[in-house]
Amino acid sequence: MVGTKRWDLFTVINYTLLAVFCLMTLYPLIYVLAGSFNDGNDYMRGGVYFFPREFSTASYRIVFKDDRLVSSLFISVMRSGTGTATSLFFTAMVSYAMSRRYLIGRNGYYWIHLATLFIGGGLIPYFVLLKYLHLLDSFWVYIIPSIFSVFNMIILQGFFRELPEEIHESATVDGASEFKIFGMLFIPLSAPVLATVALWNGVGHWNSFFDAMLFTNSEKLMPLQLYLMKLIKEADVLTASSPFIPPQMKKQFSAQTVRMAAIMISTVPILVLFPFLQRYFVTGIMVGSLKG
């Protein structure tokens, strides 16, 4: 009985601490969500913590009135989709080749790849290289430089290496080529770890804005995160002097609530996508780390 009581006490304390930690993690998101849907003037009085006190969608309407939002959202979606697909394809191919024990010079290739994680060429040479490749002010400046990831290669290589060798041998005996073995056997068997790598790539492309600041000048190539960053900086000017905002609407939002609305717009797509990939994400993390 004593042991049971101690275990019950431990369970209560454990779950209480986990609940407090979860609340601490979620509260900033709850606070921003409540503020973004609150009337701007009312929000400036303070006291909005969990729920909107005076519900209003004016901040979101202001953000969506800007035509740049649609174009930047399109760029981010295209960048995330294209960048994730191409990076996953090329990284998986290299990982498959590196996992084959009969690959001549495999150890040398591995250490060359690994060295790039610790030795960088510097920002200026990188900029000059992109210039000579004619990638500046181009959509492909978002895709080609990140088309291969050494870190993801290590994860995928570890997974491919631990798949039963008999699968490869049987397919080879049946006359299957390396491309067929890779595409029809190894890829379907690697769904969890591929989904994990895809999520990493997708979130990375979705959140990236620094490369857009450095390597593009056209607003047509501006991704959502860069647009929202500019919107957050310009929110005070926007709320005070924009000719496109009716005077009666200006009373319903503030610069702070506009910033919160912009933050929620950039966060929601990832929050919607993550639950669908969660089971693959957890499995892929465990398998990739254990087998790598």
C-alpha atoms as a PDB file:
ATOM      1  CA  MET A   1       0.000   0.000   0.000  1.00  0.00           C
ATOM      2  CA  VAL A   2       2.851   2.356   0.831  1.00  0.00           C
ATOM      3  CA  GLY A   3       4.412   1.751  -2.579  1.00  0.00           C
ATOM      4  CA  THR A   4       1.078   2.379  -4.269  1.00  0.00           C
ATOM      5  CA  LYS A   5       0.599   5.691  -2.455  1.00  0.00           C
ATOM      6  CA  ARG A   6       4.097   6.819  -3.369  1.00  0.00           C
ATOM      7  CA  TRP A   7       3.477   5.925  -7.003  1.00  0.00           C
ATOM      8  CA  ASP A   8       0.158   7.779  -6.983  1.00  0.00           C
ATOM      9  CA  LEU A   9       1.833  10.844  -5.508  1.00  0.00           C
ATOM     10  CA  PHE A  10       4.584  10.696  -8.112  1.00  0.00           C
ATOM     11  CA  THR A  11       1.993  10.383 -10.891  1.00  0.00           C
ATOM     12  CA  VAL A  12       0.053  13.394  -9.620  1.00  0.00           C
ATOM     13  CA  ILE A  13       3.198  15.517  -9.367  1.00  0.00           C
ATOM     14  CA  ASN A  14       4.415  14.337 -12.762  1.00  0.00           C
ATOM     15  CA  TYR A  15       1.163  15.133 -14.550  1.00  0.00           C
ATOM     16  CA  THR A  16       0.860  18.458 -12.726  1.00  0.00           C
ATOM     17  CA  LEU A  17       4.325  19.540 -13.836  1.00  0.00           C
ATOM     18  CA  LEU A  18       3.623  18.394 -17.397  1.00  0.00           C
ATOM     19  CA  ALA A  19       0.343  20.330 -17.424  1.00  0.00           C
ATOM     20  CA  VAL A  20       2.086  23.478 -16.153  1.00  0.00           C
ATOM     21  CA  PHE A  21       4.829  23.083 -18.764  1.00  0.00           C
ATOM     22  CA  CYS A  22       2.259  22.616 -21.551  1.00  0.00           C
ATOM     23  CA  LEU A  23       0.370  25.712 -20.396  1.00  0.00           C
ATOM     24  CA  MET A  24       3.591  27.736 -20.355  1.00  0.00           C
ATOM     25  CA  THR A  25       4.318  26.556 -23.889  1.00  0.00           C
ATOM     26  CA  LEU A  26       0.825  27.233 -25.230  1.00  0.00           C
ATOM     27  CA  TYR A  27       0.095  30.486 -23.422  1.00  0.00           C
ATOM     28  CA  PRO A  28       2.065  32.798 -25.771  1.00  0.00           C
ATOM     29  CA  LEU A  29       0.073  31.405 -28.697  1.00  0.00           C
ATOM     30  CA  ILE A  30      -3.205  31.771 -26.786  1.00  0.00           C
ATOM     31  CA  TYR A  31      -2.302  35.338 -25.826  1.00  0.00           C
ATOM     32  CA  VAL A  32      -1.460  36.330 -29.405  1.00  0.00           C
ATOM     33  CA  LEU A  33      -4.619  34.656 -30.721  1.00  0.00           C
ATOM     34  CA  ALA A  34      -6.808  36.479 -28.191  1.00  0.00           C
ATOM     35  CA  GLY A  35      -5.158  39.823 -28.929  1.00  0.00           C
ATOM     36  CA  SER A  36      -5.447  39.420 -32.692  1.00  0.00           C
ATOM     37  CA  PHE A  37      -9.225  38.980 -32.434  1.00  0.00           C
ATOM     38  CA  ASN A  38      -9.707  41.790 -29.932  1.00  0.00           C
ATOM     39  CA  ASP A  39     -10.786  45.348 -30.710  1.00  0.00           C
ATOM     40  CA  GLY A  40      -7.635  47.444 -31.064  1.00  0.00           C
ATOM     41  CA  ASN A  41      -8.584  50.356 -28.834  1.00  0.00           C
ATOM     42  CA  ASP A  42      -9.930  48.010 -26.180  1.00  0.00           C
ATOM     43  CA  TYR A  43      -6.748  45.942 -26.307  1.00  0.00           C
ATOM     44  CA  MET A  44      -4.624  49.007 -25.541  1.00  0.00           C
ATOM     45  CA  ARG A  45      -6.407  49.289 -22.191  1.00  0.00           C
ATOM     46  CA  GLY A  46      -4.779  45.994 -21.177  1.00  0.00           C
ATOM     47  CA  GLY A  47      -6.292  43.008 -19.439  1.00  0.00           C
ATOM     48  CA  VAL A  48      -6.646  40.722 -22.488  1.00  0.00           C
ATOM     49  CA  TYR A  49      -4.973  37.463 -21.524  1.00  0.00           C
ATOM     50  CA  PHE A  50      -6.917  34.364 -22.590  1.00  0.00           C
ATOM     51  CA  PHE A  51     -10.025  35.465 -24.529  1.00  0.00           C
ATOM     52  CA  PRO A  52     -10.943  38.534 -26.608  1.00  0.00           C
ATOM     53  CA  ARG A  53     -12.840  41.039 -24.489  1.00  0.00           C
ATOM     54  CA  GLU A  54     -14.382  42.818 -27.485  1.00  0.00           C
ATOM     55  CA  PHE A  55     -14.306  40.506 -30.495  1.00  0.00           C
ATOM     56  CA  SER A  56     -13.198  42.065 -33.789  1.00  0.00           C
ATOM     57  CA  THR A  57     -11.713  40.796 -37.053  1.00  0.00           C
ATOM     58  CA  ALA A  58     -10.525  44.245 -38.145  1.00  0.00           C
ATOM     59  CA  SER A  59      -6.830  43.397 -37.738  1.00  0.00           C
ATOM     60  CA  TYR A  60      -7.143  40.399 -40.049  1.00  0.00           C
ATOM     61  CA  ARG A  61      -9.135  42.413 -42.574  1.00  0.00           C
ATOM     62  CA  ILE A  62      -6.371  45.015 -42.645  1.00  0.00           C
ATOM     63  CA  VAL A  63      -3.708  42.390 -43.277  1.00  0.00           C
ATOM     64  CA  PHE A  64      -5.715  40.691 -46.032  1.00  0.00           C
ATOM     65  CA  LYS A  65      -6.444  44.026 -47.744  1.00  0.00           C
ATOM     66  CA  ASP A  66      -2.809  44.247 -48.830  1.00  0.00           C
ATOM     67  CA  ASP A  67      -2.307  42.697 -52.275  1.00  0.00           C
ATOM     68  CA  ARG A  68       1.239  41.759 -51.341  1.00  0.00           C
ATOM     69  CA  LEU A  69      -0.113  39.160 -48.935  1.00  0.00           C
ATOM     70  CA  VAL A  70      -1.538  36.971 -51.700  1.00  0.00           C
ATOM     71  CA  SER A  71       1.628  37.081 -53.818  1.00  0.00           C
ATOM     72  CA  SER A  72       3.921  36.456 -50.843  1.00  0.00           C
ATOM     73  CA  LEU A  73       1.722  33.588 -49.663  1.00  0.00           C
ATOM     74  CA  PHE A  74       1.922  32.052 -53.138  1.00  0.00           C
ATOM     75  CA  ILE A  75       5.726  32.378 -53.140  1.00  0.00           C
ATOM     76  CA  SER A  76       5.987  30.726 -49.719  1.00  0.00           C
ATOM     77  CA  VAL A  77       3.698  27.854 -50.701  1.00  0.00           C
ATOM     78  CA  MET A  78       5.595  27.288 -53.953  1.00  0.00           C
ATOM     79  CA  ARG A  79       8.927  27.571 -52.177  1.00  0.00           C
ATOM     80  CA  SER A  80       7.954  25.150 -49.416  1.00  0.00           C
ATOM     81  CA  GLY A  81       6.456  22.622 -51.822  1.00  0.00           C
ATOM     82  CA  THR A  82       9.153  22.768 -54.503  1.00  0.00           C
ATOM     83  CA  GLY A  83      12.038  23.077 -52.062  1.00  0.00           C
ATOM     84  CA  THR A  84      10.854  20.187 -49.918  1.00  0.00           C
ATOM     85  CA  ALA A  85      10.197  17.877 -52.881  1.00  0.00           C
ATOM     86  CA  THR A  86      13.514  18.549 -54.629  1.00  0.00           C
ATOM     87  CA  SER A  87      15.585  18.405 -51.455  1.00  0.00           C
ATOM     88  CA  LEU A  88      13.919  15.182 -50.347  1.00  0.00           C
ATOM     89  CA  PHE A  89      14.466  13.574 -53.755  1.00  0.00           C
ATOM     90  CA  PHE A  90      18.147  14.436 -54.156  1.00  0.00           C
ATOM     91  CA  THR A  91      19.035  13.879 -50.495  1.00  0.00           C
ATOM     92  CA  ALA A  92      17.330  10.477 -50.530  1.00  0.00           C
ATOM     93  CA  MET A  93      19.195   9.459 -53.693  1.00  0.00           C
ATOM     94  CA  VAL A  94      22.579  10.407 -52.232  1.00  0.00           C
ATOM     95  CA  SER A  95      21.671   8.717 -48.944  1.00  0.00           C
ATOM     96  CA  TYR A  96      20.754   5.506 -50.735  1.00  0.00           C
ATOM     97  CA  ALA A  97      24.048   5.489 -52.643  1.00  0.00           C
ATOM     98  CA  MET A  98      26.025   6.231 -49.471  1.00  0.00           C
ATOM     99  CA  SER A  99      24.300   3.369 -47.651  1.00  0.00           C
ATOM    100  CA  ARG A 100      25.551   0.785 -50.174  1.00  0.00           C
ATOM    101  CA  ARG A 101      28.669  -0.926 -48.835  1.00  0.00           C
ATOM    102  CA  TYR A 102      29.986  -1.654 -52.314  1.00  0.00           C
ATOM    103  CA  LEU A 103      30.123   2.049 -53.295  1.00  0.00           C
ATOM    104  CA  ILE A 104      33.733   2.807 -54.226  1.00  0.00           C
ATOM    105  CA  GLY A 105      35.141   5.672 -52.152  1.00  0.00           C
ATOM    106  CA  ARG A 106      32.132   5.794 -49.836  1.00  0.00           C
ATOM    107  CA  ASN A 107      34.140   6.797 -46.752  1.00  0.00           C
ATOM    108  CA  GLY A 108      35.848   9.588 -48.662  1.00  0.00           C
ATOM    109  CA  TYR A 109      32.526  10.963 -49.907  1.00  0.00           C
ATOM    110  CA  TYR A 110      31.135  10.766 -46.386  1.00  0.00           C
ATOM    111  CA  TRP A 111      33.950  12.803 -44.832  1.00  0.00           C
ATOM    112  CA  ILE A 112      33.806  15.369 -47.627  1.00  0.00           C
ATOM    113  CA  HIS A 113      30.088  15.825 -46.961  1.00  0.00           C
ATOM    114  CA  LEU A 114      30.666  15.943 -43.224  1.00  0.00           C
ATOM    115  CA  ALA A 115      33.340  18.638 -43.563  1.00  0.00           C
ATOM    116  CA  THR A 116      30.793  21.028 -45.078  1.00  0.00           C
ATOM    117  CA  LEU A 117      28.907  21.029 -41.774  1.00  0.00           C
ATOM    118  CA  PHE A 118      31.905  22.555 -39.997  1.00  0.00           C
ATOM    119  CA  ILE A 119      33.645  24.582 -42.711  1.00  0.00           C
ATOM    120  CA  GLY A 120      31.723  27.375 -44.419  1.00  0.00           C
ATOM    121  CA  GLY A 121      32.768  29.506 -47.351  1.00  0.00           C
ATOM    122  CA  GLY A 122      31.524  32.783 -45.900  1.00  0.00           C
ATOM    123  CA  LEU A 123      28.642  35.028 -46.869  1.00  0.00           C
ATOM    124  CA  ILE A 124      30.471  37.201 -49.438  1.00  0.00           C
ATOM    125  CA  PRO A 125      31.859  34.276 -51.495  1.00  0.00           C
ATOM    126  CA  TYR A 126      28.430  32.671 -51.278  1.00  0.00           C
ATOM    127  CA  PHE A 127      26.818  35.834 -52.645  1.00  0.00           C
ATOM    128  CA  VAL A 128      29.371  36.060 -55.468  1.00  0.00           C
ATOM    129  CA  LEU A 129      28.784  32.406 -56.354  1.00  0.00           C
ATOM    130  CA  LEU A 130      25.034  32.944 -56.584  1.00  0.00           C
ATOM    131  CA  LYS A 131      25.664  35.982 -58.762  1.00  0.00           C
ATOM    132  CA  TYR A 132      27.806  34.024 -61.229  1.00  0.00           C
ATOM    133  CA  LEU A 133      25.179  31.269 -61.286  1.00  0.00           C
ATOM    134  CA  HIS A 134      22.569  33.921 -62.205  1.00  0.00           C
ATOM    135  CA  LEU A 135      20.408  32.980 -59.218  1.00  0.00           C
ATOM    136  CA  LEU A 136      20.078  36.449 -57.695  1.00  0.00           C
ATOM    137  CA  ASP A 137      16.574  37.913 -58.013  1.00  0.00           C
ATOM    138  CA  SER A 138      15.315  34.518 -59.101  1.00  0.00           C
ATOM    139  CA  PHE A 139      12.859  32.093 -57.516  1.00  0.00           C
ATOM    140  CA  TRP A 140      15.493  29.353 -57.812  1.00  0.00           C
ATOM    141  CA  VAL A 141      17.730  31.113 -55.297  1.00  0.00           C
ATOM    142  CA  TYR A 142      15.347  29.657 -52.705  1.00  0.00           C
ATOM    143  CA  ILE A 143      15.545  26.124 -54.111  1.00  0.00           C
ATOM    144  CA  ILE A 144      18.960  25.242 -55.570  1.00  0.00           C
ATOM    145  CA  PRO A 145      21.228  26.260 -52.626  1.00  0.00           C
ATOM    146  CA  SER A 146      19.173  24.060 -50.262  1.00  0.00           C
ATOM    147  CA  ILE A 147      18.620  21.180 -52.674  1.00  0.00           C
ATOM    148  CA  PHE A 148      20.822  18.894 -50.566  1.00  0.00           C
ATOM    149  CA  SER A 149      21.241  18.599 -46.795  1.00  0.00           C
ATOM    150  CA  VAL A 150      24.134  16.715 -45.200  1.00  0.00           C
ATOM    151  CA  PHE A 151      22.333  16.427 -41.872  1.00  0.00           C
ATOM    152  CA  ASN A 152      19.283  14.871 -43.520  1.00  0.00           C
ATOM    153  CA  MET A 153      21.595  12.600 -45.528  1.00  0.00           C
ATOM    154  CA  ILE A 154      23.035  11.220 -42.297  1.00  0.00           C
ATOM    155  CA  ILE A 155      19.541  10.481 -40.966  1.00  0.00           C
ATOM    156  CA  LEU A 156      18.365   8.809 -44.179  1.00  0.00           C
ATOM    157  CA  GLN A 157      21.623   6.953 -44.706  1.00  0.00           C
ATOM    158  CA  GLY A 158      21.355   5.400 -41.260  1.00  0.00           C
ATOM    159  CA  PHE A 159      17.827   4.244 -42.002  1.00  0.00           C
ATOM    160  CA  PHE A 160      18.650   2.815 -45.444  1.00  0.00           C
ATOM    161  CA  ARG A 161      21.702   1.020 -44.072  1.00  0.00           C
ATOM    162  CA  GLU A 162      19.637  -0.867 -41.509  1.00  0.00           C
ATOM    163  CA  LEU A 163      17.034  -2.139 -43.956  1.00  0.00           C
ATOM    164  CA  PRO A 164      17.511  -5.897 -44.574  1.00  0.00           C
ATOM    165  CA  GLU A 165      20.171  -6.530 -47.194  1.00  0.00           C
ATOM    166  CA  GLU A 166      18.116  -9.489 -48.420  1.00  0.00           C
ATOM    167  CA  ILE A 167      15.595  -7.046 -49.922  1.00  0.00           C
ATOM    168  CA  HIS A 168      18.266  -5.544 -52.144  1.00  0.00           C
ATOM    169  CA  GLU A 169      19.751  -8.931 -53.039  1.00  0.00           C
ATOM    170  CA  SER A 170      16.374 -10.440 -53.975  1.00  0.00           C
ATOM    171  CA  ALA A 171      15.488  -7.476 -56.168  1.00  0.00           C
ATOM    172  CA  THR A 172      18.899  -7.639 -57.854  1.00  0.00           C
ATOM    173  CA  VAL A 173      18.441 -11.347 -58.604  1.00  0.00           C
ATOM    174  CA  ASP A 174      15.055 -10.546 -60.159  1.00  0.00           C
ATOM    175  CA  GLY A 175      16.772  -8.097 -62.503  1.00  0.00           C
ATOM    176  CA  ALA A 176      15.760  -4.821 -60.845  1.00  0.00           C
ATOM    177  CA  SER A 177      18.030  -1.842 -61.433  1.00  0.00           C
ATOM    178  CA  GLU A 178      19.325   0.381 -58.641  1.00  0.00           C
ATOM    179  CA  PHE A 179      16.811   3.091 -59.576  1.00  0.00           C
ATOM    180  CA  LYS A 180      13.953   0.581 -59.416  1.00  0.00           C
ATOM    181  CA  ILE A 181      15.123  -0.799 -56.074  1.00  0.00           C
ATOM    182  CA  PHE A 182      15.425   2.741 -54.724  1.00  0.00           C
ATOM    183  CA  GLY A 183      12.065   3.982 -56.019  1.00  0.00           C
ATOM    184  CA  MET A 184       9.872   0.912 -55.576  1.00  0.00           C
ATOM    185  CA  LEU A 185      11.341  -0.733 -52.467  1.00  0.00           C
ATOM    186  CA  PHE A 186      13.384   1.608 -50.305  1.00  0.00           C
ATOM    187  CA  ILE A 187      11.229   4.720 -50.658  1.00  0.00           C
ATOM    188  CA  PRO A 188       7.927   3.015 -49.629  1.00  0.00           C
ATOM    189  CA  LEU A 189       9.670   1.337 -46.679  1.00  0.00           C
ATOM    190  CA  SER A 190      11.061   4.678 -45.519  1.00  0.00           C
ATOM    191  CA  ALA A 191       7.807   6.640 -45.182  1.00  0.00           C
ATOM    192  CA  PRO A 192       8.270   7.600 -41.475  1.00  0.00           C
ATOM    193  CA  VAL A 193      11.781   8.979 -41.802  1.00  0.00           C
ATOM    194  CA  LEU A 194      10.997  10.634 -45.154  1.00  0.00           C
ATOM    195  CA  ALA A 195       7.975  12.362 -43.609  1.00  0.00           C
ATOM    196  CA  THR A 196      10.178  13.613 -40.778  1.00  0.00           C
ATOM    197  CA  VAL A 197      12.770  15.027 -43.164  1.00  0.00           C
ATOM    198  CA  ALA A 198      10.004  16.532 -45.308  1.00  0.00           C
ATOM    199  CA  LEU A 199       8.572  18.283 -42.249  1.00  0.00           C
ATOM    200  CA  TRP A 200      11.972  19.696 -41.330  1.00  0.00           C
ATOM    201  CA  ASN A 201      12.500  20.961 -44.864  1.00  0.00           C
ATOM    202  CA  GLY A 202       8.989  22.360 -45.176  1.00  0.00           C
ATOM    203  CA  VAL A 203       9.143  24.265 -41.893  1.00  0.00           C
ATOM    204  CA  GLY A 204      12.607  25.560 -42.763  1.00  0.00           C
ATOM    205  CA  HIS A 205      11.464  26.900 -46.136  1.00  0.00           C
ATOM    206  CA  TRP A 206       8.246  28.310 -44.667  1.00  0.00           C
ATOM    207  CA  ASN A 207      10.032  30.221 -41.903  1.00  0.00           C
ATOM    208  CA  SER A 208      12.979  31.429 -43.982  1.00  0.00           C
ATOM    209  CA  PHE A 209      13.258  35.108 -44.830  1.00  0.00           C
ATOM    210  CA  PHE A 210      16.964  35.942 -44.440  1.00  0.00           C
ATOM    211  CA  ASP A 211      17.917  34.669 -47.902  1.00  0.00           C
ATOM    212  CA  ALA A 212      15.090  36.716 -49.421  1.00  0.00           C
ATOM    213  CA  MET A 213      16.472  39.843 -47.719  1.00  0.00           C
ATOM    214  CA  LEU A 214      19.969  39.220 -49.076  1.00  0.00           C
ATOM    215  CA  PHE A 215      19.445  37.760 -52.531  1.00  0.00           C
ATOM    216  CA  THR A 216      16.234  39.294 -53.904  1.00  0.00           C
ATOM    217  CA  ASN A 217      15.056  42.847 -54.506  1.00  0.00           C
ATOM    218  CA  SER A 218      11.741  42.250 -56.246  1.00  0.00           C
ATOM    219  CA  GLU A 219       8.549  42.311 -54.199  1.00  0.00           C
ATOM    220  CA  LYS A 220       7.197  39.648 -56.561  1.00  0.00           C
ATOM    221  CA  LEU A 221       9.677  37.191 -54.992  1.00  0.00           C
ATOM    222  CA  MET A 222       9.005  38.244 -51.405  1.00  0.00           C
ATOM    223  CA  PRO A 223       7.990  35.250 -49.229  1.00  0.00           C
ATOM    224  CA  LEU A 224       5.311  35.475 -46.589  1.00  0.00           C
ATOM    225  CA  GLN A 225       7.698  35.708 -43.643  1.00  0.00           C
ATOM    226  CA  LEU A 226       9.550  38.682 -45.125  1.00  0.00           C
ATOM    227  CA  TYR A 227       6.253  40.390 -45.937  1.00  0.00           C
ATOM    228  CA  LEU A 228       4.971  39.847 -42.400  1.00  0.00           C
ATOM    229  CA  MET A 229       8.242  41.121 -40.945  1.00  0.00           C
ATOM    230  CA  LYS A 230       7.877  44.311 -42.983  1.00  0.00           C
ATOM    231  CA  LEU A 231       4.218  44.550 -42.001  1.00  0.00           C
ATOM    232  CA  ILE A 232       5.098  44.247 -38.324  1.00  0.00           C
ATOM    233  CA  LYS A 233       7.699  47.020 -38.680  1.00  0.00           C
ATOM    234  CA  GLU A 234       5.312  49.230 -40.661  1.00  0.00           C
ATOM    235  CA  ALA A 235       2.250  48.569 -38.506  1.00  0.00           C
ATOM    236  CA  ASP A 236       2.402  51.932 -36.727  1.00  0.00           C
ATOM    237  CA  VAL A 237       2.590  53.839 -40.014  1.00  0.00           C
ATOM    238  CA  LEU A 238      -0.035  51.593 -41.585  1.00  0.00           C
ATOM    239  CA  THR A 239      -2.573  52.160 -38.861  1.00  0.00           C
ATOM    240  CA  ALA A 240      -2.049  55.908 -38.827  1.00  0.00           C
ATOM    241  CA  SER A 241      -1.789  56.942 -42.456  1.00  0.00           C
ATOM    242  CA  SER A 242      -3.070  54.250 -44.809  1.00  0.00           C
ATOM    243  CA  PRO A 243      -5.547  55.770 -47.307  1.00  0.00           C
ATOM    244  CA  PHE A 244      -7.118  52.346 -47.927  1.00  0.00           C
ATOM    245  CA  ILE A 245      -8.448  51.967 -44.375  1.00  0.00           C
ATOM    246  CA  PRO A 246     -11.846  53.563 -43.637  1.00  0.00           C
ATOM    247  CA  PRO A 247     -11.765  55.911 -40.624  1.00  0.00           C
ATOM    248  CA  GLN A 248     -14.367  53.841 -38.754  1.00  0.00           C
ATOM    249  CA  MET A 249     -12.191  50.729 -39.125  1.00  0.00           C
ATOM    250  CA  LYS A 250      -9.114  52.500 -37.741  1.00  0.00           C
ATOM    251  CA  LYS A 251     -10.859  52.639 -34.374  1.00  0.00           C
ATOM    252  CA  GLN A 252     -11.186  48.843 -34.275  1.00  0.00           C
ATOM    253  CA  PHE A 253      -7.519  47.859 -34.366  1.00  0.00           C
ATOM    254  CA  SER A 254      -4.100  49.009 -33.256  1.00  0.00           C
ATOM    255  CA  ALA A 255      -0.578  48.417 -34.486  1.00  0.00           C
ATOM    256  CA  GLN A 256      -0.137  45.730 -31.843  1.00  0.00           C
ATOM    257  CA  THR A 257      -3.233  43.753 -32.855  1.00  0.00           C
ATOM    258  CA  VAL A 258      -2.155  43.955 -36.508  1.00  0.00           C
ATOM    259  CA  ARG A 259       1.201  42.474 -35.527  1.00  0.00           C
ATOM    260  CA  MET A 260      -0.550  39.679 -33.667  1.00  0.00           C
ATOM    261  CA  ALA A 261      -2.779  38.939 -36.644  1.00  0.00           C
ATOM    262  CA  ALA A 262       0.294  38.741 -38.886  1.00  0.00           C
ATOM    263  CA  ILE A 263       1.975  36.320 -36.484  1.00  0.00           C
ATOM    264  CA  MET A 264      -1.090  34.060 -36.428  1.00  0.00           C
ATOM    265  CA  ILE A 265      -1.342  34.045 -40.236  1.00  0.00           C
ATOM    266  CA  SER A 266       2.241  32.791 -40.515  1.00  0.00           C
ATOM    267  CA  THR A 267       1.787  30.190 -37.761  1.00  0.00           C
ATOM    268  CA  VAL A 268      -1.541  28.568 -38.647  1.00  0.00           C
ATOM    269  CA  PRO A 269      -0.411  26.610 -41.764  1.00  0.00           C
ATOM    270  CA  ILE A 270       2.275  24.751 -39.794  1.00  0.00           C
ATOM    271  CA  LEU A 271      -0.126  24.116 -36.913  1.00  0.00           C
ATOM    272  CA  VAL A 272      -2.633  22.634 -39.357  1.00  0.00           C
ATOM    273  CA  LEU A 273      -0.043  20.477 -41.131  1.00  0.00           C
ATOM    274  CA  PHE A 274       1.767  19.087 -38.100  1.00  0.00           C
ATOM    275  CA  PRO A 275      -1.022  16.817 -36.704  1.00  0.00           C
ATOM    276  CA  PHE A 276      -1.187  14.921 -40.000  1.00  0.00           C
ATOM    277  CA  LEU A 277       2.562  14.213 -39.906  1.00  0.00           C
ATOM    278  CA  GLN A 278       2.923  13.782 -36.150  1.00  0.00           C
ATOM    279  CA  ARG A 279       2.851   9.985 -36.063  1.00  0.00           C
ATOM    280  CA  TYR A 280       5.429   9.813 -38.858  1.00  0.00           C
ATOM    281  CA  PHE A 281       7.479  12.518 -37.179  1.00  0.00           C
ATOM    282  CA  VAL A 282       7.795  10.678 -33.847  1.00  0.00           C
ATOM    283  CA  THR A 283       8.531   7.338 -35.518  1.00  0.00           C
ATOM    284  CA  GLY A 284      11.039   8.854 -37.927  1.00  0.00           C
ATOM    285  CA  ILE A 285      12.914  10.675 -35.164  1.00  0.00           C
ATOM    286  CA  MET A 286      13.254   7.495 -33.105  1.00  0.00           C
ATOM    287  CA  VAL A 287      14.191   5.228 -36.009  1.00  0.00           C
ATOM    288  CA  GLY A 288      16.610   7.700 -37.597  1.00  0.00           C
ATOM    289  CA  SER A 289      18.385   8.414 -34.320  1.00  0.00           C
ATOM    290  CA  LEU A 290      18.633   4.773 -33.249  1.00  0.00           C
ATOM    291  CA  LYS A 291      19.718   3.394 -36.610  1.00  0.00           C
ATOM    292  CA  GLY A 292      22.020   6.264 -37.499  1.00  0.00           C
END
